[in-house]
Protein backbone atom coordinates (compact mmCIF):
# COMPACT_ATOMS: atom_id res chain seq x y z
CA MET A 1 117.47 -106.31 -71.99
CA HIS A 2 118.22 -108.00 -68.65
CA VAL A 3 121.77 -109.02 -67.75
CA CYS A 4 120.80 -112.73 -67.82
CA GLU A 5 119.25 -112.34 -71.28
CA ALA A 6 122.31 -110.50 -72.55
CA TYR A 7 124.56 -113.28 -71.24
CA LEU A 8 122.45 -115.95 -72.89
CA LEU A 9 122.44 -114.09 -76.19
CA ALA A 10 126.22 -113.69 -76.10
CA SER A 11 126.56 -117.39 -75.36
CA TRP A 12 124.38 -118.23 -78.35
CA LEU A 13 126.36 -116.00 -80.72
CA PHE A 14 129.52 -117.87 -79.74
CA ILE A 15 128.04 -121.39 -79.78
CA HIS A 16 126.07 -120.88 -82.96
CA GLN A 17 129.26 -120.31 -84.89
CA VAL A 18 130.30 -123.84 -84.00
CA GLN A 19 127.36 -126.14 -84.67
CA ALA A 20 123.60 -126.34 -85.23
CA GLN A 21 123.34 -129.97 -84.16
CA PHE A 22 124.80 -132.03 -81.35
CA LYS A 23 125.00 -135.41 -79.65
CA LEU A 24 124.03 -135.81 -76.00
CA PHE A 25 126.79 -138.35 -75.38
CA PRO A 26 129.62 -137.56 -77.82
CA ASN A 27 132.14 -139.50 -75.72
CA SER A 28 129.87 -142.54 -75.09
CA THR A 29 127.19 -142.86 -72.42
CA HIS A 30 129.49 -144.15 -69.65
CA SER A 31 126.48 -146.11 -68.49
CA THR A 32 126.73 -148.12 -65.28
CA ALA A 33 124.45 -150.78 -66.81
CA ASN A 34 125.01 -153.31 -69.57
CA LEU A 35 123.06 -151.76 -72.48
CA SER A 36 122.32 -153.35 -75.82
CA GLN A 37 124.12 -152.00 -78.87
CA GLY A 38 120.81 -150.84 -80.29
CA CYS A 39 120.07 -148.75 -77.19
CA ILE A 40 123.59 -147.26 -77.19
CA THR A 41 123.29 -146.34 -80.87
CA VAL A 42 119.99 -144.50 -80.31
CA LEU A 43 121.30 -142.61 -77.26
CA ASN A 44 124.31 -141.44 -79.28
CA ALA A 45 122.19 -140.29 -82.23
CA THR A 46 122.59 -136.75 -83.57
CA ILE A 47 119.91 -134.26 -82.53
CA ASN A 48 119.18 -131.66 -85.21
CA CYS A 49 118.68 -128.69 -82.90
CA ASP A 50 120.54 -125.49 -82.23
CA SER A 51 123.15 -126.52 -79.62
CA TYR A 52 122.27 -123.37 -77.65
CA ILE A 53 119.21 -125.19 -76.32
CA GLN A 54 121.55 -127.24 -74.14
CA GLN A 55 122.65 -124.03 -72.40
CA LEU A 56 119.02 -123.12 -71.74
CA VAL A 57 118.41 -126.55 -70.18
CA LEU A 58 121.48 -126.29 -67.94
CA ASN A 59 120.26 -122.90 -66.67
CA ASP A 60 116.66 -124.15 -66.37
CA TYR A 61 115.79 -120.93 -68.23
CA TYR A 62 112.25 -119.78 -68.85
CA GLY A 63 111.49 -116.50 -70.51
CA SER A 64 111.88 -114.47 -73.65
CA LEU A 65 115.11 -114.90 -75.58
CA SER A 66 114.84 -111.21 -76.61
CA ASN A 67 116.05 -111.91 -80.13
CA VAL A 68 113.84 -113.06 -83.00
CA THR A 69 116.68 -114.75 -84.89
CA LEU A 70 117.77 -116.65 -81.79
CA GLN A 71 114.21 -117.65 -80.92
CA ASP A 72 113.49 -118.91 -84.44
CA SER A 73 116.74 -120.86 -84.54
CA VAL A 74 116.05 -122.58 -81.23
CA CYS A 75 112.42 -123.23 -82.13
CA SER A 76 112.88 -124.71 -85.59
CA ALA A 77 110.43 -127.36 -86.81
CA ALA A 78 113.37 -129.64 -87.58
CA CYS A 79 114.37 -129.53 -83.91
CA SER A 80 110.88 -130.52 -82.78
CA MET A 81 110.83 -133.49 -85.17
CA SER A 82 114.33 -134.55 -84.15
CA LEU A 83 113.53 -134.47 -80.42
CA GLY A 84 110.35 -136.48 -80.98
CA SER A 85 112.24 -139.01 -83.09
CA TYR A 86 114.99 -139.27 -80.43
CA HIS A 87 112.38 -139.91 -77.70
CA ASN A 88 110.53 -142.58 -79.70
CA GLY A 89 113.79 -144.29 -80.66
CA ALA A 90 114.97 -144.45 -77.05
CA VAL A 91 111.61 -145.81 -75.88
CA THR A 92 111.73 -148.59 -78.47
CA ALA A 93 115.43 -149.53 -78.54
CA CYS A 94 115.96 -149.36 -74.76
CA ALA A 95 112.65 -150.91 -73.69
CA SER A 96 114.17 -154.20 -72.50
CA ASN A 97 117.35 -152.61 -71.13
CA PRO A 98 118.07 -151.63 -67.52
CA GLN A 99 118.24 -147.95 -66.67
CA PRO A 100 121.55 -146.56 -68.03
CA TRP A 101 122.27 -144.93 -64.67
CA PRO A 102 120.66 -145.76 -61.30
CA GLY A 103 117.30 -143.98 -61.14
CA VAL A 104 117.72 -142.31 -64.55
CA PRO A 105 115.70 -143.68 -67.52
CA ALA A 106 117.13 -143.71 -71.03
CA VAL A 107 114.76 -140.96 -72.21
CA TRP A 108 115.57 -138.55 -69.38
CA ALA A 109 118.16 -136.28 -71.05
CA GLY A 110 116.27 -136.06 -74.34
CA ASN A 111 112.99 -135.39 -72.56
CA ALA A 112 114.53 -132.55 -70.52
CA ILE A 113 115.49 -130.79 -73.78
CA TRP A 114 112.14 -131.58 -75.38
CA ALA A 115 110.26 -130.11 -72.40
CA LEU A 116 112.27 -126.87 -72.56
CA TYR A 117 111.66 -126.69 -76.31
CA ASN A 118 107.90 -127.02 -75.81
CA ARG A 119 107.63 -124.32 -73.15
CA THR A 120 110.00 -121.92 -74.93
CA CYS A 121 108.58 -122.39 -78.43
CA LEU A 122 104.85 -122.41 -77.72
CA LYS A 123 103.08 -119.97 -80.05
CA ASP A 124 99.75 -118.19 -80.11
CA PRO A 125 97.91 -120.04 -82.93
CA THR A 126 96.34 -116.78 -84.13
CA THR A 127 99.18 -114.27 -83.95
CA GLU A 128 102.11 -116.70 -84.21
CA ALA A 129 103.68 -114.81 -81.31
CA TYR A 130 105.83 -116.79 -78.89
CA GLY A 131 104.14 -117.38 -75.54
CA VAL A 132 107.20 -116.41 -73.50
CA ASN A 133 107.20 -112.99 -75.20
CA GLN A 134 103.52 -112.55 -74.35
CA VAL A 135 104.25 -113.35 -70.68
CA MET A 136 107.07 -110.81 -70.70
CA ALA A 137 104.70 -108.16 -72.11
CA ILE A 138 102.20 -108.89 -69.33
CA ASN A 139 104.89 -108.49 -66.67
CA THR A 140 106.03 -105.21 -68.25
CA GLY A 141 102.45 -103.95 -68.11
CA ASN A 142 102.22 -104.93 -64.44
CA VAL A 143 105.30 -102.85 -63.65
CA ALA A 144 103.68 -99.79 -65.25
CA ILE A 145 100.44 -100.36 -63.34
CA GLN A 146 102.27 -100.78 -60.05
CA ALA A 147 104.32 -97.63 -60.65
CA THR A 148 101.17 -95.63 -61.42
CA CYS A 149 99.10 -97.05 -58.56
CA SER A 150 101.93 -97.30 -56.01
CA THR A 151 101.11 -100.93 -55.32
CA GLY A 152 104.70 -101.97 -54.71
CA PRO A 153 106.96 -104.49 -56.44
CA LEU A 154 105.90 -107.59 -58.33
CA PRO A 155 104.53 -110.36 -56.11
CA THR A 156 107.14 -112.69 -57.58
CA VAL A 157 110.08 -110.55 -56.47
CA ALA A 158 111.68 -112.12 -53.40
CA GLN A 159 111.39 -109.86 -50.36
CA PRO A 160 114.01 -109.72 -47.58
CA PRO A 161 113.08 -111.91 -44.62
CA ALA A 162 110.95 -109.81 -42.26
CA THR A 163 112.40 -111.39 -39.13
CA ASN A 164 112.62 -108.10 -37.24
CA MET A 165 108.82 -107.99 -37.17
CA THR A 166 107.07 -109.75 -34.33
CA ALA A 167 103.56 -109.75 -35.80
CA VAL A 168 101.58 -108.64 -38.82
CA PRO A 169 97.86 -107.81 -38.52
CA GLY A 170 95.69 -110.52 -40.08
CA VAL A 171 98.53 -113.03 -40.48
CA VAL A 172 98.28 -116.34 -38.62
CA ILE A 173 101.64 -117.86 -37.66
CA SER A 174 101.69 -121.66 -37.32
CA ASN A 175 102.48 -122.85 -33.83
CA PRO A 176 104.06 -126.36 -33.81
CA VAL A 177 103.41 -126.59 -30.06
CA ASN A 178 99.79 -127.33 -30.96
CA ALA A 179 100.72 -129.68 -33.79
CA ALA A 180 102.77 -132.80 -34.23
CA CYS A 181 106.51 -132.21 -34.64
CA LEU A 182 107.86 -135.68 -35.38
CA SER A 183 111.51 -134.73 -34.86
CA GLY A 184 110.73 -133.26 -31.43
CA SER A 185 113.13 -130.40 -32.20
CA HIS A 186 112.00 -126.76 -32.20
CA TYR A 187 113.67 -123.42 -32.88
CA THR A 188 112.55 -119.90 -32.02
CA VAL A 189 113.26 -117.44 -34.85
CA GLN A 190 115.62 -114.65 -33.85
CA PRO A 191 115.79 -111.12 -35.31
CA GLY A 192 117.97 -111.17 -38.45
CA ASP A 193 117.38 -114.88 -39.14
CA ASP A 194 116.56 -116.20 -42.57
CA VAL A 195 115.54 -119.74 -43.55
CA GLN A 196 118.92 -120.67 -45.06
CA LYS A 197 120.79 -119.45 -41.99
CA ILE A 198 118.54 -121.61 -39.79
CA ALA A 199 118.97 -124.62 -42.10
CA VAL A 200 122.77 -124.32 -42.02
CA ALA A 201 122.86 -123.91 -38.23
CA HIS A 202 120.82 -127.07 -37.67
CA ASN A 203 122.05 -129.28 -40.56
CA VAL A 204 118.67 -129.63 -42.22
CA ALA A 205 117.36 -129.32 -45.77
CA THR A 206 116.12 -125.81 -46.58
CA GLY A 207 113.13 -126.92 -48.65
CA THR A 208 111.97 -129.39 -45.98
CA LEU A 209 112.23 -126.69 -43.30
CA LYS A 210 110.03 -124.37 -45.37
CA THR A 211 107.45 -127.03 -46.23
CA LEU A 212 107.21 -128.35 -42.68
CA ASN A 213 106.43 -124.89 -41.32
CA GLY A 214 104.38 -123.46 -44.20
CA ILE A 215 107.01 -120.81 -44.98
CA PHE A 216 106.48 -118.99 -48.28
CA PRO A 217 109.09 -119.43 -51.05
CA ASP A 218 110.21 -115.82 -50.50
CA SER A 219 110.13 -116.27 -46.68
CA THR A 220 107.89 -113.23 -46.19
CA ASN A 221 105.93 -114.99 -43.44
CA LEU A 222 108.98 -115.73 -41.27
CA PHE A 223 108.82 -113.62 -38.10
CA ALA A 224 111.00 -113.10 -35.05
CA GLY A 225 109.67 -115.14 -32.14
CA GLN A 226 108.06 -117.73 -34.41
CA ASP A 227 108.38 -121.34 -33.19
CA LEU A 228 109.62 -123.63 -35.97
CA CYS A 229 109.52 -127.42 -36.08
CA LEU A 230 112.91 -128.56 -37.33
CA PRO A 231 113.22 -131.53 -39.71
CA ARG A 232 115.50 -134.39 -38.74
CA MET A 233 119.18 -133.63 -39.31
CA CYS A 234 120.99 -135.03 -42.33
CA PRO A 235 124.36 -134.66 -44.10
CA THR A 236 123.83 -131.53 -46.22
CA TYR A 237 125.17 -130.01 -49.43
CA LEU A 238 124.90 -126.36 -50.45
CA VAL A 239 123.59 -126.28 -54.03
CA GLN A 240 125.82 -124.28 -56.37
CA ALA A 241 124.90 -122.42 -59.55
CA ASN A 242 124.60 -124.77 -62.56
CA ASN A 243 124.46 -127.87 -60.34
CA ASN A 244 122.24 -130.75 -61.38
CA CYS A 245 121.37 -133.96 -59.60
CA ALA A 246 123.88 -136.01 -61.58
CA THR A 247 126.81 -133.79 -60.63
CA VAL A 248 125.76 -133.58 -56.97
CA ALA A 249 125.29 -137.36 -56.75
CA ALA A 250 128.66 -138.04 -58.39
CA THR A 251 130.45 -135.54 -56.15
CA ASP A 252 129.07 -137.16 -52.99
CA SER A 253 129.38 -140.79 -54.19
CA ILE A 254 125.66 -141.54 -54.12
CA THR A 255 123.21 -142.48 -56.86
CA PHE A 256 120.64 -140.25 -58.54
CA ALA A 257 117.88 -142.38 -56.99
CA GLN A 258 119.34 -141.99 -53.49
CA LEU A 259 119.56 -138.21 -53.86
CA VAL A 260 115.91 -137.95 -54.87
CA ASN A 261 114.96 -140.35 -52.08
CA TYR A 262 116.76 -138.22 -49.47
CA ASN A 263 115.02 -135.08 -50.82
CA PRO A 264 111.33 -135.81 -51.60
CA LEU A 265 110.80 -132.20 -52.73
CA ILE A 266 113.16 -132.68 -55.70
CA ASN A 267 111.15 -133.78 -58.73
CA LEU A 268 112.14 -136.85 -60.71
CA ASP A 269 113.51 -134.70 -63.55
CA CYS A 270 115.61 -132.74 -61.03
CA THR A 271 114.62 -129.42 -62.58
CA ASN A 272 113.85 -127.62 -59.32
CA LEU A 273 117.22 -127.44 -57.57
CA ILE A 274 117.66 -123.95 -56.03
CA SER A 275 121.16 -122.56 -55.65
CA ASN A 276 122.39 -121.47 -52.20
CA THR A 277 120.01 -123.83 -50.40
CA ASN A 278 120.72 -127.00 -48.44
CA ILE A 279 119.76 -130.47 -49.67
CA CYS A 280 120.32 -133.82 -47.98
CA ILE A 281 123.04 -136.09 -49.36
CA GLY A 282 122.41 -138.84 -46.83
CA PRO A 283 119.53 -140.28 -44.80
CA SER A 284 117.97 -138.06 -42.15
CA GLY A 285 117.70 -138.89 -38.48
CA PRO A 286 119.95 -141.01 -36.27
CA MET A 287 121.59 -144.15 -37.61
CA TYR A 288 119.76 -147.37 -36.75
CA THR A 289 121.30 -149.21 -33.81
CA PRO A 290 119.90 -152.75 -33.46
CA THR A 291 118.97 -153.97 -30.00
CA THR A 292 119.16 -157.50 -28.73
CA ILE A 293 115.81 -159.23 -28.27
CA PRO A 294 115.47 -160.45 -24.66
CA GLY A 295 116.27 -164.15 -24.51
CA ALA A 296 117.87 -164.21 -27.96
CA MET A 297 121.33 -165.72 -28.34
CA VAL A 298 123.94 -163.40 -29.85
CA MET A 299 126.18 -165.32 -32.22
CA THR A 300 129.49 -163.56 -32.89
CA SER A 301 130.58 -166.19 -35.43
CA ASP A 302 129.02 -168.48 -38.02
CA PHE A 303 130.36 -171.46 -36.06
CA ALA A 304 130.38 -172.41 -32.38
CA THR A 305 133.57 -173.14 -30.44
CA SER A 306 132.11 -175.66 -28.00
CA THR A 307 129.28 -178.16 -27.94
CA VAL A 308 126.22 -178.31 -25.72
CA ALA A 309 124.46 -181.37 -24.39
CA LEU A 310 121.64 -182.75 -26.51
CA PRO A 311 118.43 -181.23 -25.12
CA GLY A 312 116.27 -184.01 -26.56
CA ALA A 313 115.69 -186.23 -29.57
CA THR A 314 117.27 -185.07 -32.85
CA PRO A 315 116.58 -186.06 -36.46
CA PHE A 316 118.69 -188.87 -37.83
CA GLY A 317 122.03 -187.56 -39.13
CA THR A 318 121.93 -184.26 -37.23
CA MET A 319 125.41 -183.56 -35.91
CA ALA A 320 125.96 -183.90 -32.18
CA ASN A 321 128.96 -181.52 -32.26
CA CYS A 322 126.74 -178.46 -32.20
CA GLY A 323 126.76 -175.27 -30.13
CA LYS A 324 123.01 -174.75 -30.06
CA PHE A 325 119.86 -176.72 -30.90
CA TYR A 326 116.37 -175.52 -31.76
CA GLU A 327 113.15 -177.43 -31.08
CA VAL A 328 110.92 -177.24 -34.14
CA ASN A 329 107.36 -176.06 -33.56
CA PRO A 330 104.29 -176.68 -35.73
CA GLY A 331 104.27 -174.19 -38.63
CA ASP A 332 108.02 -173.58 -38.64
CA ASN A 333 109.89 -173.44 -41.93
CA CYS A 334 113.57 -173.34 -42.89
CA GLN A 335 113.54 -169.65 -43.86
CA GLN A 336 111.99 -168.61 -40.55
CA ILE A 337 114.45 -170.69 -38.52
CA SER A 338 117.33 -169.33 -40.62
CA LEU A 339 116.37 -165.68 -40.00
CA ASN A 340 115.66 -166.10 -36.31
CA ASN A 341 118.90 -167.95 -35.58
CA SER A 342 121.40 -166.27 -37.94
CA ILE A 343 122.22 -169.37 -39.94
CA SER A 344 121.97 -169.72 -43.70
CA VAL A 345 119.32 -172.08 -45.06
CA ASP A 346 122.00 -174.10 -46.85
CA LEU A 347 124.08 -174.61 -43.69
CA PHE A 348 120.95 -175.46 -41.70
CA LYS A 349 120.10 -178.19 -44.21
CA GLU A 350 123.68 -179.48 -44.34
CA THR A 351 123.96 -179.87 -40.57
CA ASN A 352 120.53 -181.55 -40.51
CA PRO A 353 120.76 -183.79 -43.60
CA LEU A 354 117.37 -185.44 -43.14
CA ILE A 355 115.69 -182.16 -44.27
CA ASN A 356 114.49 -182.52 -47.86
CA ALA A 357 115.13 -180.03 -50.67
CA ASP A 358 111.83 -178.17 -50.18
CA CYS A 359 112.10 -178.20 -46.38
CA THR A 360 108.66 -179.77 -46.05
CA ASN A 361 109.58 -182.52 -43.57
CA LEU A 362 110.52 -180.62 -40.41
CA THR A 363 109.31 -182.65 -37.44
CA PRO A 364 107.82 -180.71 -34.50
CA GLY A 365 109.27 -181.83 -31.18
CA LEU A 366 112.72 -182.76 -32.52
CA PHE A 367 115.82 -180.65 -31.93
CA TYR A 368 117.76 -179.40 -34.97
CA CYS A 369 121.33 -178.05 -34.95
CA ILE A 370 121.42 -174.28 -35.63
CA TRP A 371 125.02 -173.45 -34.60
CA PRO A 372 127.49 -176.13 -35.70
CA LEU A 373 131.16 -176.33 -34.80
CA THR A 374 133.74 -175.37 -37.42
CA ASN A 375 134.62 -179.04 -37.98
CA TRP A 376 131.06 -180.29 -37.87
CA ASN A 377 131.47 -182.14 -41.18
CA ALA A 378 134.91 -183.62 -40.51
CA THR A 379 135.19 -187.22 -41.79
CA ASN A 380 135.41 -189.93 -39.14
CA ASN A 381 137.67 -192.74 -40.39
CA ALA A 382 137.18 -194.94 -37.31
CA THR A 383 135.80 -198.45 -37.86
CA THR A 384 132.38 -198.98 -36.35
CA THR A 385 131.53 -202.42 -34.94
CA LEU A 386 127.83 -203.20 -34.80
CA THR A 387 126.79 -205.19 -31.76
CA ILE A 388 123.50 -206.84 -30.96
CA ALA A 389 122.07 -204.80 -28.08
CA THR A 390 120.18 -206.09 -25.07
CA PRO A 391 116.70 -204.59 -24.66
CA PRO A 392 116.81 -201.91 -21.94
CA ALA A 393 113.18 -202.47 -20.96
CA LEU A 394 110.17 -204.68 -21.65
CA THR A 395 109.61 -205.37 -25.37
CA PRO A 396 106.29 -205.69 -27.18
CA THR A 397 105.27 -209.09 -28.51
CA GLY A 398 106.73 -209.90 -31.93
CA SER A 399 109.84 -207.71 -31.77
CA THR A 400 112.87 -209.27 -33.49
CA SER A 401 115.90 -210.12 -31.35
CA ASN A 402 118.48 -208.95 -33.92
CA CYS A 403 118.59 -205.33 -32.80
CA PHE A 404 121.46 -202.87 -32.69
CA GLU A 405 119.56 -200.00 -31.11
CA TRP A 406 116.46 -199.68 -28.98
CA HIS A 407 114.17 -196.82 -28.11
CA VAL A 408 112.16 -196.73 -24.90
CA VAL A 409 108.82 -195.00 -25.46
CA VAL A 410 108.21 -191.94 -23.26
CA SER A 411 105.22 -189.67 -22.88
CA GLY A 412 104.70 -187.57 -26.00
CA ASP A 413 106.40 -190.00 -28.39
CA THR A 414 104.89 -190.67 -31.80
CA CYS A 415 105.95 -192.93 -34.63
CA LEU A 416 106.91 -189.83 -36.64
CA LEU A 417 109.26 -188.62 -33.91
CA ILE A 418 110.88 -192.02 -33.52
CA THR A 419 111.34 -192.79 -37.21
CA THR A 420 112.71 -189.31 -37.92
CA SER A 421 115.13 -189.53 -35.00
CA PHE A 422 116.59 -192.84 -36.21
CA GLY A 423 116.35 -192.19 -39.95
CA ILE A 424 114.10 -195.14 -40.70
CA THR A 425 110.79 -195.52 -42.49
CA LEU A 426 107.49 -196.29 -40.86
CA ALA A 427 107.40 -199.57 -42.80
CA GLN A 428 110.77 -200.61 -41.32
CA PHE A 429 109.67 -199.64 -37.84
CA GLN A 430 106.49 -201.71 -38.16
CA THR A 431 108.37 -204.71 -39.68
CA TRP A 432 110.82 -204.86 -36.78
CA ASN A 433 108.05 -204.28 -34.20
CA LEU A 434 105.10 -206.42 -35.27
CA GLN A 435 102.93 -205.24 -32.37
CA ILE A 436 102.49 -201.81 -34.01
CA ASN A 437 99.22 -201.48 -35.95
CA ALA A 438 98.77 -199.88 -39.37
CA GLN A 439 97.94 -196.46 -37.91
CA CYS A 440 100.83 -196.68 -35.42
CA SER A 441 98.43 -195.66 -32.68
CA ASN A 442 99.25 -198.32 -30.09
CA LEU A 443 102.76 -197.52 -28.81
CA LEU A 444 103.28 -198.92 -25.28
CA LEU A 445 104.61 -196.45 -22.71
CA GLY A 446 107.89 -197.65 -21.16
CA ASN A 447 108.45 -200.44 -23.71
CA ALA A 448 111.62 -200.77 -25.80
CA TYR A 449 111.09 -200.75 -29.56
CA ILE A 450 113.64 -201.72 -32.19
CA SER A 451 114.98 -198.65 -33.99
CA SER A 452 117.91 -200.28 -35.87
CA ALA A 453 117.84 -203.96 -36.82
CA LEU A 454 120.18 -206.48 -38.46
CA LYS A 455 119.98 -206.59 -42.26
CA THR A 456 122.99 -208.12 -44.07
CA ILE A 457 126.25 -207.82 -42.10
CA ALA A 458 129.36 -210.01 -42.46
CA THR A 459 130.49 -210.08 -38.84
CA VAL A 460 128.38 -209.32 -35.80
CA SER A 461 129.57 -209.41 -32.20
CA MET A 462 126.95 -211.42 -30.27
CA PRO A 463 126.40 -211.20 -26.50
CA LEU A 464 125.47 -214.25 -24.47
CA PRO A 465 121.81 -215.21 -24.99
CA GLN A 466 119.44 -213.98 -22.36
CA ALA A 467 115.89 -214.86 -21.53
CA PRO A 468 113.49 -212.55 -23.40
CA LEU A 469 111.71 -209.87 -21.45
CA VAL A 470 107.98 -210.42 -21.79
CA PRO A 471 105.66 -207.48 -21.10
CA HIS A 472 103.28 -208.54 -18.35
CA PRO A 473 100.88 -206.97 -17.76
CA GLN A 474 100.58 -204.67 -20.80
CA PRO A 475 101.07 -200.96 -19.95
CA PRO A 476 98.78 -198.27 -21.33
CA GLN A 477 99.03 -197.44 -25.05
CA LEU A 478 99.98 -194.07 -26.55
CA GLY A 479 98.16 -192.42 -29.40
CA GLN A 480 100.14 -191.41 -32.47
């Protein structure tokens, strides 16, 4: 009997005196998620199996148990039924629940035990002999054959790293110089090296180093002088005996999902951790350092400390006390502007109140505030006196004289730009400026159009009457 088998048998003799059933979470699940009571009840259900099977799972043991009584106790039919019932119950009761722990499904612990049961308790349907005992008999026969034929040790026995050898006839050593090495880092194997020693020296994962360079699990094809491509460096952890992913993740304050993500060679059940090897407990490679896009404005605060001059027409209601404006282009949307200019969508809408809820009325050509001052929304309690304004230029025929604000048409103007800038409707603009046709396609370049007219106001300060300015001759018209 091997030492490991003797230890396992002794453990069973002690445990078996205590209980032949167990609960996976006797002290509650300690789940990080909000689980339903039904799911919690199923996860805490009693499993009618020999509790020794838990020890086998923790050791990831595969092989003969070397004791018929022990094997029969572990492989009872009641245990198989109980594990199947536990699995089905967890699938049903926890179906609509989040994962109890990040990256770990509700069925994970039960399935790990069920899988070990199936591989340990598989029987030959004819002889009723356990499969693990049959495998052991085959290996024993191989030892006798090898001893008789002088063929050497079992192929599965790990050999010492042959790093003092510089070449072996018929063996091709990979040469990363002729292949892509994404990290750009190489290492030449020295006499006496082994894979773990190299991994520790360069802060890399042992399994990744082997896979990247096609090194055998027992490292028998690692030779002195061999050029290795090194993986990218990462924070590493040396796996200890009896470790599992949950304990490693908890120790290093990361989640199960992160640990598996950092180590793609670890399977999702985390049953292939190898003691005394390095694994990554953080992302590999250098930390990302963002670079400034040429021409982009770096904003060190959510709010500006000084204003800039208006670069052009703005939508009605957009605050003038703004540290930066952005000219909207065709196809722009609020989310795109928000991302490109480091302003939240909500703040962008608040500082430009003419924007509707769905952000479907951005007007190309107008300038919107994207970096307001801290006090951009301070209330102004000053009294505003509306005064009839004198036209600053020729006016089209039919324009009303009761005007508070005028707009002189310049090249590139459209009715949409004008009405959005002054917060008026097209109907209002056409009512106050009768010369404008239904399509608003006949704006006159250089003429002053009414953009804010008298409605119902108690007191109005009137200037002295002046002779109207009549457009003569008519200047060219602008298209919409």
